[in-house]
Amino acid sequence: MGRTIEDKQEIVAELKETLSQSQLALVIDYQGLTVAEITDLRRRLRPTGTTCKVTKNTLMGIAIQDDEKWQPLSELLKGSSAFLLVQEDFSAAIKAYQDFQKATKKTEMRGGVMEGRLLKESDVKALGDLPSKEQLMAQIAGAINALATKVAVGINEVPSSLARALQAYADKENGGEEVSG
């Protein structure tokens, strides 16, 4: 069943809208995936703030033609393409896709685009190895906690060393005799 021009314009407008909110676009070859598997992939990607769009390359081509940021995607538009448009956590999104890929062994990562740069599969893998937003927050929180602990320990040590110094001074003044409290 062919789509009307209105349908196509709507799809292109939707793609442009999603792209405008995305920081990374990945292109996978989804040939051989069942509807259930695509649904599974979408479910895995949802928590990472990623939209999976299965659309014709020509429509994606129209959506990106006037957009320098996404222009390099045109090099990846061939065969059966699914587009993973990542709005939030790209590291988690890539990991979610890799888990799906391991489970189905059916898709192939063609590459992606981020900040106007074309990414090869190896670049995408390197991005996936970066810590997720949660991991980064945990690392920062851990560093802050460690620093706070050091400061607290440092402050706690001041009175005891000061007390020891005063005690030593008092002992010397009293000719070594114990000062009664």
C-alpha atoms as a PDB file:
ATOM      1  CA  MET A   1       0.000   0.000   0.000  1.00  0.00           C
ATOM      2  CA  GLY A   2       1.601   3.264  -1.121  1.00  0.00           C
ATOM      3  CA  ARG A   3       1.804   6.252   1.193  1.00  0.00           C
ATOM      4  CA  THR A   4       0.258   9.551   0.247  1.00  0.00           C
ATOM      5  CA  ILE A   5       2.354  12.696  -0.083  1.00  0.00           C
ATOM      6  CA  GLU A   6       0.796  13.949   3.175  1.00  0.00           C
ATOM      7  CA  ASP A   7       1.910  10.769   4.957  1.00  0.00           C
ATOM      8  CA  LYS A   8       5.435  11.202   3.664  1.00  0.00           C
ATOM      9  CA  GLN A   9       5.549  14.866   4.664  1.00  0.00           C
ATOM     10  CA  GLU A  10       4.320  13.904   8.124  1.00  0.00           C
ATOM     11  CA  ILE A  11       7.006  11.217   8.484  1.00  0.00           C
ATOM     12  CA  VAL A  12       9.721  13.653   7.343  1.00  0.00           C
ATOM     13  CA  ALA A  13       8.464  16.320   9.779  1.00  0.00           C
ATOM     14  CA  GLU A  14       8.468  13.748  12.599  1.00  0.00           C
ATOM     15  CA  LEU A  15      12.007  12.635  11.721  1.00  0.00           C
ATOM     16  CA  LYS A  16      13.219  16.256  11.687  1.00  0.00           C
ATOM     17  CA  GLU A  17      11.564  16.875  15.057  1.00  0.00           C
ATOM     18  CA  THR A  18      13.149  13.786  16.654  1.00  0.00           C
ATOM     19  CA  LEU A  19      16.551  14.564  15.122  1.00  0.00           C
ATOM     20  CA  SER A  20      16.426  18.123  16.476  1.00  0.00           C
ATOM     21  CA  GLN A  21      16.228  16.659  19.993  1.00  0.00           C
ATOM     22  CA  SER A  22      18.837  13.939  19.441  1.00  0.00           C
ATOM     23  CA  GLN A  23      22.541  13.981  20.205  1.00  0.00           C
ATOM     24  CA  LEU A  24      23.401  10.784  18.344  1.00  0.00           C
ATOM     25  CA  ALA A  25      21.874   8.951  15.386  1.00  0.00           C
ATOM     26  CA  LEU A  26      22.813   5.331  14.723  1.00  0.00           C
ATOM     27  CA  VAL A  27      21.986   3.379  11.599  1.00  0.00           C
ATOM     28  CA  ILE A  28      21.538  -0.364  11.775  1.00  0.00           C
ATOM     29  CA  ASP A  29      20.754  -2.861   9.067  1.00  0.00           C
ATOM     30  CA  TYR A  30      17.709  -4.610  10.453  1.00  0.00           C
ATOM     31  CA  GLN A  31      17.137  -7.097   7.640  1.00  0.00           C
ATOM     32  CA  GLY A  32      15.702 -10.365   8.933  1.00  0.00           C
ATOM     33  CA  LEU A  33      14.270  -8.943  12.156  1.00  0.00           C
ATOM     34  CA  THR A  34      10.730  -9.922  13.031  1.00  0.00           C
ATOM     35  CA  VAL A  35       8.165  -7.414  14.257  1.00  0.00           C
ATOM     36  CA  ALA A  36       8.524  -8.962  17.723  1.00  0.00           C
ATOM     37  CA  GLU A  37      12.311  -8.409  17.642  1.00  0.00           C
ATOM     38  CA  ILE A  38      11.938  -4.768  16.564  1.00  0.00           C
ATOM     39  CA  THR A  39       9.453  -4.349  19.426  1.00  0.00           C
ATOM     40  CA  ASP A  40      11.989  -5.924  21.790  1.00  0.00           C
ATOM     41  CA  LEU A  41      14.718  -3.556  20.536  1.00  0.00           C
ATOM     42  CA  ARG A  42      12.415  -0.549  21.085  1.00  0.00           C
ATOM     43  CA  ARG A  43      11.608  -1.783  24.600  1.00  0.00           C
ATOM     44  CA  ARG A  44      15.319  -2.126  25.457  1.00  0.00           C
ATOM     45  CA  LEU A  45      16.085   1.350  24.098  1.00  0.00           C
ATOM     46  CA  ARG A  46      13.173   3.197  25.729  1.00  0.00           C
ATOM     47  CA  PRO A  47      14.826   3.693  29.176  1.00  0.00           C
ATOM     48  CA  THR A  48      17.844   5.328  27.483  1.00  0.00           C
ATOM     49  CA  GLY A  49      15.707   7.995  25.789  1.00  0.00           C
ATOM     50  CA  THR A  50      16.141   6.494  22.332  1.00  0.00           C
ATOM     51  CA  THR A  51      13.613   6.314  19.518  1.00  0.00           C
ATOM     52  CA  CYS A  52      13.900   3.493  16.975  1.00  0.00           C
ATOM     53  CA  LYS A  53      12.564   4.587  13.597  1.00  0.00           C
ATOM     54  CA  VAL A  54      12.157   2.116  10.767  1.00  0.00           C
ATOM     55  CA  THR A  55      11.711   4.267   7.706  1.00  0.00           C
ATOM     56  CA  LYS A  56      12.690   4.488   4.058  1.00  0.00           C
ATOM     57  CA  ASN A  57      16.180   5.840   3.355  1.00  0.00           C
ATOM     58  CA  THR A  58      14.677   8.358   0.907  1.00  0.00           C
ATOM     59  CA  LEU A  59      12.505   9.869   3.669  1.00  0.00           C
ATOM     60  CA  MET A  60      15.468  10.111   6.065  1.00  0.00           C
ATOM     61  CA  GLY A  61      17.458  11.620   3.193  1.00  0.00           C
ATOM     62  CA  ILE A  62      14.824  14.343   2.793  1.00  0.00           C
ATOM     63  CA  ALA A  63      14.724  14.940   6.574  1.00  0.00           C
ATOM     64  CA  ILE A  64      18.491  15.563   6.775  1.00  0.00           C
ATOM     65  CA  GLN A  65      19.137  17.339   3.480  1.00  0.00           C
ATOM     66  CA  ASP A  66      19.140  20.872   4.955  1.00  0.00           C
ATOM     67  CA  ASP A  67      20.679  19.962   8.297  1.00  0.00           C
ATOM     68  CA  GLU A  68      24.490  20.124   8.488  1.00  0.00           C
ATOM     69  CA  LYS A  69      24.506  18.354  11.855  1.00  0.00           C
ATOM     70  CA  TRP A  70      22.936  15.193  10.349  1.00  0.00           C
ATOM     71  CA  GLN A  71      24.116  15.494   6.719  1.00  0.00           C
ATOM     72  CA  PRO A  72      26.801  12.767   7.094  1.00  0.00           C
ATOM     73  CA  LEU A  73      23.988  10.221   7.688  1.00  0.00           C
ATOM     74  CA  SER A  74      23.391  10.234   3.923  1.00  0.00           C
ATOM     75  CA  GLU A  75      26.478   8.006   3.531  1.00  0.00           C
ATOM     76  CA  LEU A  76      24.784   5.304   5.625  1.00  0.00           C
ATOM     77  CA  LEU A  77      21.444   5.288   3.794  1.00  0.00           C
ATOM     78  CA  LYS A  78      21.362   1.973   1.974  1.00  0.00           C
ATOM     79  CA  GLY A  79      19.556  -1.341   2.361  1.00  0.00           C
ATOM     80  CA  SER A  80      17.013  -1.868   5.144  1.00  0.00           C
ATOM     81  CA  SER A  81      17.734   0.844   7.675  1.00  0.00           C
ATOM     82  CA  ALA A  82      16.510   1.354  11.197  1.00  0.00           C
ATOM     83  CA  PHE A  83      17.520   4.594  12.865  1.00  0.00           C
ATOM     84  CA  LEU A  84      18.263   4.763  16.571  1.00  0.00           C
ATOM     85  CA  LEU A  85      17.832   8.413  17.516  1.00  0.00           C
ATOM     86  CA  VAL A  86      19.354   8.959  20.956  1.00  0.00           C
ATOM     87  CA  GLN A  87      18.055  11.913  22.942  1.00  0.00           C
ATOM     88  CA  GLU A  88      19.476  11.107  26.369  1.00  0.00           C
ATOM     89  CA  ASP A  89      22.060   8.548  27.399  1.00  0.00           C
ATOM     90  CA  PHE A  90      24.036   7.511  24.303  1.00  0.00           C
ATOM     91  CA  SER A  91      26.361   5.202  26.219  1.00  0.00           C
ATOM     92  CA  ALA A  92      23.428   3.247  27.697  1.00  0.00           C
ATOM     93  CA  ALA A  93      21.662   3.253  24.306  1.00  0.00           C
ATOM     94  CA  ILE A  94      24.683   1.712  22.565  1.00  0.00           C
ATOM     95  CA  LYS A  95      24.989  -0.916  25.328  1.00  0.00           C
ATOM     96  CA  ALA A  96      21.255  -1.717  25.014  1.00  0.00           C
ATOM     97  CA  TYR A  97      21.654  -2.174  21.247  1.00  0.00           C
ATOM     98  CA  GLN A  98      24.767  -4.341  21.714  1.00  0.00           C
ATOM     99  CA  ASP A  99      22.882  -6.589  24.158  1.00  0.00           C
ATOM    100  CA  PHE A 100      20.033  -6.894  21.659  1.00  0.00           C
ATOM    101  CA  GLN A 101      22.504  -7.649  18.875  1.00  0.00           C
ATOM    102  CA  LYS A 102      24.120 -10.414  20.957  1.00  0.00           C
ATOM    103  CA  ALA A 103      20.694 -11.909  21.639  1.00  0.00           C
ATOM    104  CA  THR A 104      19.452 -11.901  18.019  1.00  0.00           C
ATOM    105  CA  LYS A 105      22.715 -11.920  15.998  1.00  0.00           C
ATOM    106  CA  LYS A 106      20.648 -10.456  13.167  1.00  0.00           C
ATOM    107  CA  THR A 107      21.429  -6.767  12.908  1.00  0.00           C
ATOM    108  CA  GLU A 108      24.515  -4.921  11.856  1.00  0.00           C
ATOM    109  CA  MET A 109      25.674  -1.497  13.007  1.00  0.00           C
ATOM    110  CA  ARG A 110      26.420   0.595   9.927  1.00  0.00           C
ATOM    111  CA  GLY A 111      27.617   3.610  11.841  1.00  0.00           C
ATOM    112  CA  GLY A 112      26.242   6.845  13.137  1.00  0.00           C
ATOM    113  CA  VAL A 113      26.486  10.606  13.298  1.00  0.00           C
ATOM    114  CA  MET A 114      27.218  12.814  16.287  1.00  0.00           C
ATOM    115  CA  GLU A 115      27.916  16.554  16.239  1.00  0.00           C
ATOM    116  CA  GLY A 116      28.044  16.521  12.436  1.00  0.00           C
ATOM    117  CA  ARG A 117      30.677  13.771  12.351  1.00  0.00           C
ATOM    118  CA  LEU A 118      30.316  10.402  10.663  1.00  0.00           C
ATOM    119  CA  LEU A 119      31.079   7.550  13.060  1.00  0.00           C
ATOM    120  CA  LYS A 120      32.280   4.127  12.005  1.00  0.00           C
ATOM    121  CA  GLU A 121      31.196   1.032  13.929  1.00  0.00           C
ATOM    122  CA  SER A 122      34.442   1.151  15.948  1.00  0.00           C
ATOM    123  CA  ASP A 123      33.720   4.793  16.936  1.00  0.00           C
ATOM    124  CA  VAL A 124      30.241   3.802  18.090  1.00  0.00           C
ATOM    125  CA  LYS A 125      31.720   0.962  20.140  1.00  0.00           C
ATOM    126  CA  ALA A 126      34.172   3.391  21.775  1.00  0.00           C
ATOM    127  CA  LEU A 127      31.252   5.696  22.678  1.00  0.00           C
ATOM    128  CA  GLY A 128      29.454   2.701  24.182  1.00  0.00           C
ATOM    129  CA  ASP A 129      32.466   2.034  26.411  1.00  0.00           C
ATOM    130  CA  LEU A 130      32.159   5.459  28.026  1.00  0.00           C
ATOM    131  CA  PRO A 131      30.508   5.496  31.439  1.00  0.00           C
ATOM    132  CA  SER A 132      26.779   6.157  31.415  1.00  0.00           C
ATOM    133  CA  LYS A 133      25.294   9.307  32.908  1.00  0.00           C
ATOM    134  CA  GLU A 134      24.417   7.360  36.104  1.00  0.00           C
ATOM    135  CA  GLN A 135      27.941   5.953  36.372  1.00  0.00           C
ATOM    136  CA  LEU A 136      29.431   9.423  35.888  1.00  0.00           C
ATOM    137  CA  MET A 137      27.130  10.886  38.540  1.00  0.00           C
ATOM    138  CA  ALA A 138      28.101   8.054  40.908  1.00  0.00           C
ATOM    139  CA  GLN A 139      31.804   8.667  40.242  1.00  0.00           C
ATOM    140  CA  ILE A 140      31.394  12.401  40.879  1.00  0.00           C
ATOM    141  CA  ALA A 141      29.344  11.753  44.032  1.00  0.00           C
ATOM    142  CA  GLY A 142      31.988   9.253  45.175  1.00  0.00           C
ATOM    143  CA  ALA A 143      34.754  11.805  44.622  1.00  0.00           C
ATOM    144  CA  ILE A 144      32.791  14.471  46.531  1.00  0.00           C
ATOM    145  CA  ASN A 145      32.122  12.032  49.405  1.00  0.00           C
ATOM    146  CA  ALA A 146      35.776  11.022  49.574  1.00  0.00           C
ATOM    147  CA  LEU A 147      36.783  14.688  49.677  1.00  0.00           C
ATOM    148  CA  ALA A 148      34.187  15.461  52.369  1.00  0.00           C
ATOM    149  CA  THR A 149      35.483  12.537  54.443  1.00  0.00           C
ATOM    150  CA  LYS A 150      39.076  13.758  54.112  1.00  0.00           C
ATOM    151  CA  VAL A 151      38.059  17.266  55.151  1.00  0.00           C
ATOM    152  CA  ALA A 152      36.037  15.923  58.101  1.00  0.00           C
ATOM    153  CA  VAL A 153      38.935  13.716  59.236  1.00  0.00           C
ATOM    154  CA  GLY A 154      41.296  16.671  58.861  1.00  0.00           C
ATOM    155  CA  ILE A 155      39.041  18.881  60.990  1.00  0.00           C
ATOM    156  CA  ASN A 156      38.675  16.160  63.630  1.00  0.00           C
ATOM    157  CA  GLU A 157      42.419  15.783  63.872  1.00  0.00           C
ATOM    158  CA  VAL A 158      42.955  19.476  64.541  1.00  0.00           C
ATOM    159  CA  PRO A 159      41.512  19.532  68.079  1.00  0.00           C
ATOM    160  CA  SER A 160      43.337  16.376  69.171  1.00  0.00           C
ATOM    161  CA  SER A 161      46.718  17.596  67.884  1.00  0.00           C
ATOM    162  CA  LEU A 162      46.013  21.012  69.407  1.00  0.00           C
ATOM    163  CA  ALA A 163      45.093  19.355  72.709  1.00  0.00           C
ATOM    164  CA  ARG A 164      48.306  17.309  72.607  1.00  0.00           C
ATOM    165  CA  ALA A 165      50.357  20.437  71.926  1.00  0.00           C
ATOM    166  CA  LEU A 166      48.688  22.301  74.825  1.00  0.00           C
ATOM    167  CA  GLN A 167      49.166  19.301  77.080  1.00  0.00           C
ATOM    168  CA  ALA A 168      52.846  19.091  76.170  1.00  0.00           C
ATOM    169  CA  TYR A 169      53.244  22.823  76.817  1.00  0.00           C
ATOM    170  CA  ALA A 170      51.430  22.558  80.147  1.00  0.00           C
ATOM    171  CA  ASP A 171      53.592  19.573  81.136  1.00  0.00           C
ATOM    172  CA  LYS A 172      56.744  21.546  80.346  1.00  0.00           C
ATOM    173  CA  GLU A 173      55.540  24.585  82.285  1.00  0.00           C
ATOM    174  CA  ASN A 174      54.778  22.451  85.346  1.00  0.00           C
ATOM    175  CA  GLY A 175      58.119  20.729  85.211  1.00  0.00           C
ATOM    176  CA  GLY A 176      56.633  17.585  83.784  1.00  0.00           C
ATOM    177  CA  GLU A 177      54.028  17.241  86.501  1.00  0.00           C
ATOM    178  CA  GLU A 178      50.575  16.114  85.437  1.00  0.00           C
ATOM    179  CA  VAL A 179      48.043  18.940  85.424  1.00  0.00           C
ATOM    180  CA  SER A 180      44.961  17.931  87.333  1.00  0.00           C
ATOM    181  CA  GLY A 181      41.691  18.808  85.632  1.00  0.00           C
END
